[in-house]
C-alpha atoms as a PDB file:
ATOM      1  CA  MET A   1       0.000   0.000   0.000  1.00  0.00           C
ATOM      2  CA  THR A   2       1.446   3.347  -0.996  1.00  0.00           C
ATOM      3  CA  PHE A   3       0.539   6.607   0.678  1.00  0.00           C
ATOM      4  CA  CYS A   4       1.033   9.552  -1.596  1.00  0.00           C
ATOM      5  CA  LEU A   5       1.365  12.828   0.234  1.00  0.00           C
ATOM      6  CA  TYR A   6       0.645  15.712  -2.071  1.00  0.00           C
ATOM      7  CA  ARG A   7       2.917  18.216  -0.443  1.00  0.00           C
ATOM      8  CA  PHE A   8       2.768  21.955  -0.040  1.00  0.00           C
ATOM      9  CA  PRO A   9       4.082  23.847   3.003  1.00  0.00           C
ATOM     10  CA  LYS A  10       1.705  24.071   5.983  1.00  0.00           C
ATOM     11  CA  CYS A  11      -1.442  23.014   4.138  1.00  0.00           C
ATOM     12  CA  ASN A  12      -2.357  19.947   6.190  1.00  0.00           C
ATOM     13  CA  HIS A  13      -1.495  19.159   9.812  1.00  0.00           C
ATOM     14  CA  ALA A  14      -1.539  15.436   9.067  1.00  0.00           C
ATOM     15  CA  LEU A  15       1.581  15.805   6.936  1.00  0.00           C
ATOM     16  CA  GLU A  16       3.692  16.499  10.022  1.00  0.00           C
ATOM     17  CA  MET A  17       2.325  13.379  11.714  1.00  0.00           C
ATOM     18  CA  LEU A  18       2.986  11.287   8.599  1.00  0.00           C
ATOM     19  CA  GLU A  19       6.494  12.720   8.312  1.00  0.00           C
ATOM     20  CA  LYS A  20       7.211  11.603  11.885  1.00  0.00           C
ATOM     21  CA  MET A  21       5.813   8.137  11.152  1.00  0.00           C
ATOM     22  CA  TYR A  22       7.996   7.888   8.048  1.00  0.00           C
ATOM     23  CA  SER A  23      11.089   9.003   9.955  1.00  0.00           C
ATOM     24  CA  SER A  24      10.563   6.562  12.800  1.00  0.00           C
ATOM     25  CA  HIS A  25       9.802   3.711  10.388  1.00  0.00           C
ATOM     26  CA  ASN A  26      13.006   4.316   8.406  1.00  0.00           C
ATOM     27  CA  ARG A  27      15.163   5.429  11.330  1.00  0.00           C
ATOM     28  CA  ASN A  28      17.881   2.782  10.989  1.00  0.00           C
ATOM     29  CA  ARG A  29      17.851   2.417   7.229  1.00  0.00           C
ATOM     30  CA  MET A  30      20.722   3.670   5.127  1.00  0.00           C
ATOM     31  CA  ARG A  31      18.678   3.420   1.905  1.00  0.00           C
ATOM     32  CA  PRO A  32      14.949   3.551   2.761  1.00  0.00           C
ATOM     33  CA  CYS A  33      13.618   2.945  -0.759  1.00  0.00           C
ATOM     34  CA  PRO A  34      15.421  -0.321  -1.581  1.00  0.00           C
ATOM     35  CA  GLN A  35      15.241  -1.575   1.994  1.00  0.00           C
ATOM     36  CA  GLY A  36      11.519  -0.818   2.240  1.00  0.00           C
ATOM     37  CA  ARG A  37      10.620  -2.732  -0.911  1.00  0.00           C
ATOM     38  CA  ASN A  38       8.855  -5.492   1.035  1.00  0.00           C
ATOM     39  CA  ASP A  39       7.157  -3.226   3.581  1.00  0.00           C
ATOM     40  CA  THR A  40       3.380  -3.392   3.775  1.00  0.00           C
ATOM     41  CA  GLU A  41       3.237   0.403   3.570  1.00  0.00           C
ATOM     42  CA  ARG A  42       5.396   2.922   1.776  1.00  0.00           C
ATOM     43  CA  PHE A  43       5.230   6.698   1.894  1.00  0.00           C
ATOM     44  CA  LEU A  44       5.786   8.916  -1.111  1.00  0.00           C
ATOM     45  CA  LYS A  45       5.999  12.690  -1.013  1.00  0.00           C
ATOM     46  CA  TYR A  46       4.708  14.363  -4.125  1.00  0.00           C
ATOM     47  CA  ASP A  47       5.839  17.973  -4.265  1.00  0.00           C
ATOM     48  CA  ILE A  48       3.672  20.053  -6.571  1.00  0.00           C
ATOM     49  CA  ASN A  49       6.429  22.615  -7.078  1.00  0.00           C
ATOM     50  CA  THR A  50       8.829  20.153  -8.677  1.00  0.00           C
ATOM     51  CA  ALA A  51       6.519  17.418  -9.987  1.00  0.00           C
ATOM     52  CA  ALA A  52       6.518  18.563 -13.613  1.00  0.00           C
ATOM     53  CA  ASN A  53      10.243  19.359 -13.756  1.00  0.00           C
ATOM     54  CA  ASN A  54      12.328  17.221 -16.111  1.00  0.00           C
ATOM     55  CA  SER A  55       9.257  15.660 -17.703  1.00  0.00           C
ATOM     56  CA  ASN A  56       7.190  16.207 -20.799  1.00  0.00           C
ATOM     57  CA  HIS A  57       4.134  17.140 -18.699  1.00  0.00           C
ATOM     58  CA  THR A  58       3.025  20.743 -18.409  1.00  0.00           C
ATOM     59  CA  GLN A  59       1.134  20.047 -15.170  1.00  0.00           C
ATOM     60  CA  PRO A  60       1.882  17.637 -12.322  1.00  0.00           C
ATOM     61  CA  LEU A  61       0.545  14.143 -13.044  1.00  0.00           C
ATOM     62  CA  LEU A  62      -1.649  13.810  -9.949  1.00  0.00           C
ATOM     63  CA  LEU A  63      -3.183  17.201 -10.637  1.00  0.00           C
ATOM     64  CA  THR A  64      -4.031  16.140 -14.173  1.00  0.00           C
ATOM     65  CA  ARG A  65      -5.167  12.624 -13.299  1.00  0.00           C
ATOM     66  CA  HIS A  66      -7.124  13.083 -10.053  1.00  0.00           C
ATOM     67  CA  ASN A  67      -7.358  16.864  -9.624  1.00  0.00           C
ATOM     68  CA  ALA A  68      -5.364  16.458  -6.415  1.00  0.00           C
ATOM     69  CA  VAL A  69      -4.575  19.655  -4.551  1.00  0.00           C
ATOM     70  CA  PRO A  70      -1.895  20.473  -1.963  1.00  0.00           C
ATOM     71  CA  GLY A  71      -2.481  18.822   1.401  1.00  0.00           C
ATOM     72  CA  MET A  72      -4.379  15.892  -0.059  1.00  0.00           C
ATOM     73  CA  ILE A  73      -3.560  12.337   0.967  1.00  0.00           C
ATOM     74  CA  LEU A  74      -3.875   9.584  -1.636  1.00  0.00           C
ATOM     75  CA  ILE A  75      -3.691   5.872  -0.845  1.00  0.00           C
ATOM     76  CA  TYR A  76      -2.912   3.366  -3.584  1.00  0.00           C
ATOM     77  CA  SER A  77      -2.699  -0.413  -3.664  1.00  0.00           C
ATOM     78  CA  ASP A  78      -1.073  -2.067  -6.680  1.00  0.00           C
ATOM     79  CA  GLY A  79      -1.560   1.095  -8.718  1.00  0.00           C
ATOM     80  CA  ASN A  80      -5.256   1.417  -7.862  1.00  0.00           C
ATOM     81  CA  LEU A  81      -6.548   4.438  -5.987  1.00  0.00           C
ATOM     82  CA  LEU A  82      -8.276   3.538  -2.716  1.00  0.00           C
ATOM     83  CA  PHE A  83      -8.552   6.869  -0.936  1.00  0.00           C
ATOM     84  CA  CYS A  84      -8.239  10.543  -1.793  1.00  0.00           C
ATOM     85  CA  ASP A  85      -9.075  13.290   0.706  1.00  0.00           C
ATOM     86  CA  HIS A  86      -7.756  15.844   3.192  1.00  0.00           C
ATOM     87  CA  ILE A  87      -9.063  14.030   6.260  1.00  0.00           C
ATOM     88  CA  PHE A  88      -8.914  10.374   7.234  1.00  0.00           C
ATOM     89  CA  ASN A  89     -11.970   8.175   7.729  1.00  0.00           C
ATOM     90  CA  GLY A  90     -14.181  11.247   7.457  1.00  0.00           C
ATOM     91  CA  TYR A  91     -13.330  12.542  10.931  1.00  0.00           C
ATOM     92  CA  GLY A  92      -9.853  13.956  11.383  1.00  0.00           C
ATOM     93  CA  ASN A  93      -6.109  14.018  10.876  1.00  0.00           C
ATOM     94  CA  THR A  94      -4.836  12.203  13.947  1.00  0.00           C
ATOM     95  CA  LYS A  95      -2.668   9.103  13.969  1.00  0.00           C
ATOM     96  CA  LYS A  96      -5.670   7.107  15.202  1.00  0.00           C
ATOM     97  CA  ASP A  97      -7.774   8.329  12.255  1.00  0.00           C
ATOM     98  CA  PHE A  98      -4.939   7.474   9.874  1.00  0.00           C
ATOM     99  CA  LYS A  99      -4.676   3.935  11.231  1.00  0.00           C
ATOM    100  CA  LYS A 100      -8.447   3.497  10.860  1.00  0.00           C
ATOM    101  CA  GLN A 101      -8.160   4.694   7.271  1.00  0.00           C
ATOM    102  CA  ILE A 102      -5.357   2.193   6.619  1.00  0.00           C
ATOM    103  CA  ILE A 103      -7.528  -0.650   7.925  1.00  0.00           C
ATOM    104  CA  LYS A 104     -10.468   0.464   5.787  1.00  0.00           C
ATOM    105  CA  SER A 105      -8.259   0.843   2.714  1.00  0.00           C
ATOM    106  CA  ARG A 106      -6.714  -2.601   3.224  1.00  0.00           C
ATOM    107  CA  LEU A 107     -10.162  -4.175   3.457  1.00  0.00           C
ATOM    108  CA  ASP A 108     -11.249  -2.301   0.335  1.00  0.00           C
ATOM    109  CA  ALA A 109      -8.166  -3.584  -1.503  1.00  0.00           C
ATOM    110  CA  ILE A 110      -8.813  -7.170  -0.386  1.00  0.00           C
ATOM    111  CA  HIS A 111     -12.399  -6.934  -1.641  1.00  0.00           C
ATOM    112  CA  GLY A 112     -11.355  -5.227  -4.876  1.00  0.00           C
ATOM    113  CA  VAL A 113     -13.142  -1.979  -4.061  1.00  0.00           C
ATOM    114  CA  PHE A 114     -11.199   0.827  -5.730  1.00  0.00           C
ATOM    115  CA  LEU A 115     -12.016   4.310  -6.891  1.00  0.00           C
ATOM    116  CA  PRO A 116     -12.568   4.495 -10.665  1.00  0.00           C
ATOM    117  CA  LYS A 117      -9.466   4.958 -12.837  1.00  0.00           C
ATOM    118  CA  ASP A 118     -10.841   8.303 -14.021  1.00  0.00           C
ATOM    119  CA  PHE A 119     -11.687   9.527 -10.486  1.00  0.00           C
ATOM    120  CA  ARG A 120     -11.256  13.279 -10.126  1.00  0.00           C
ATOM    121  CA  PHE A 121     -11.531  14.923  -6.725  1.00  0.00           C
ATOM    122  CA  ARG A 122     -13.784  17.978  -6.663  1.00  0.00           C
END
């Protein structure tokens, strides 16, 4: 399961919490990406300011594909979008809410319940 953090400074308080979780999870790793290949969860920061640099896109991919905006959290499983919003489980941005959202997203993935490929957040 991949958590995509659409990053922009100070736009979502949950980003700080997720940053701390990422840091503690990868604390003793010299190379987090290769060493985390078999982890059940991986975090990805998507910075809107640099997303279109060195590519043939005029706009960032997640903006074009899902109309994602800064501060939005996206959760993918095997390339399929499971979750896309600013708040977790419809209630808040705490670690507890995030863990509930992970559980819900895992169950959705197991049951094959994904957002449509052409899903665009409004």
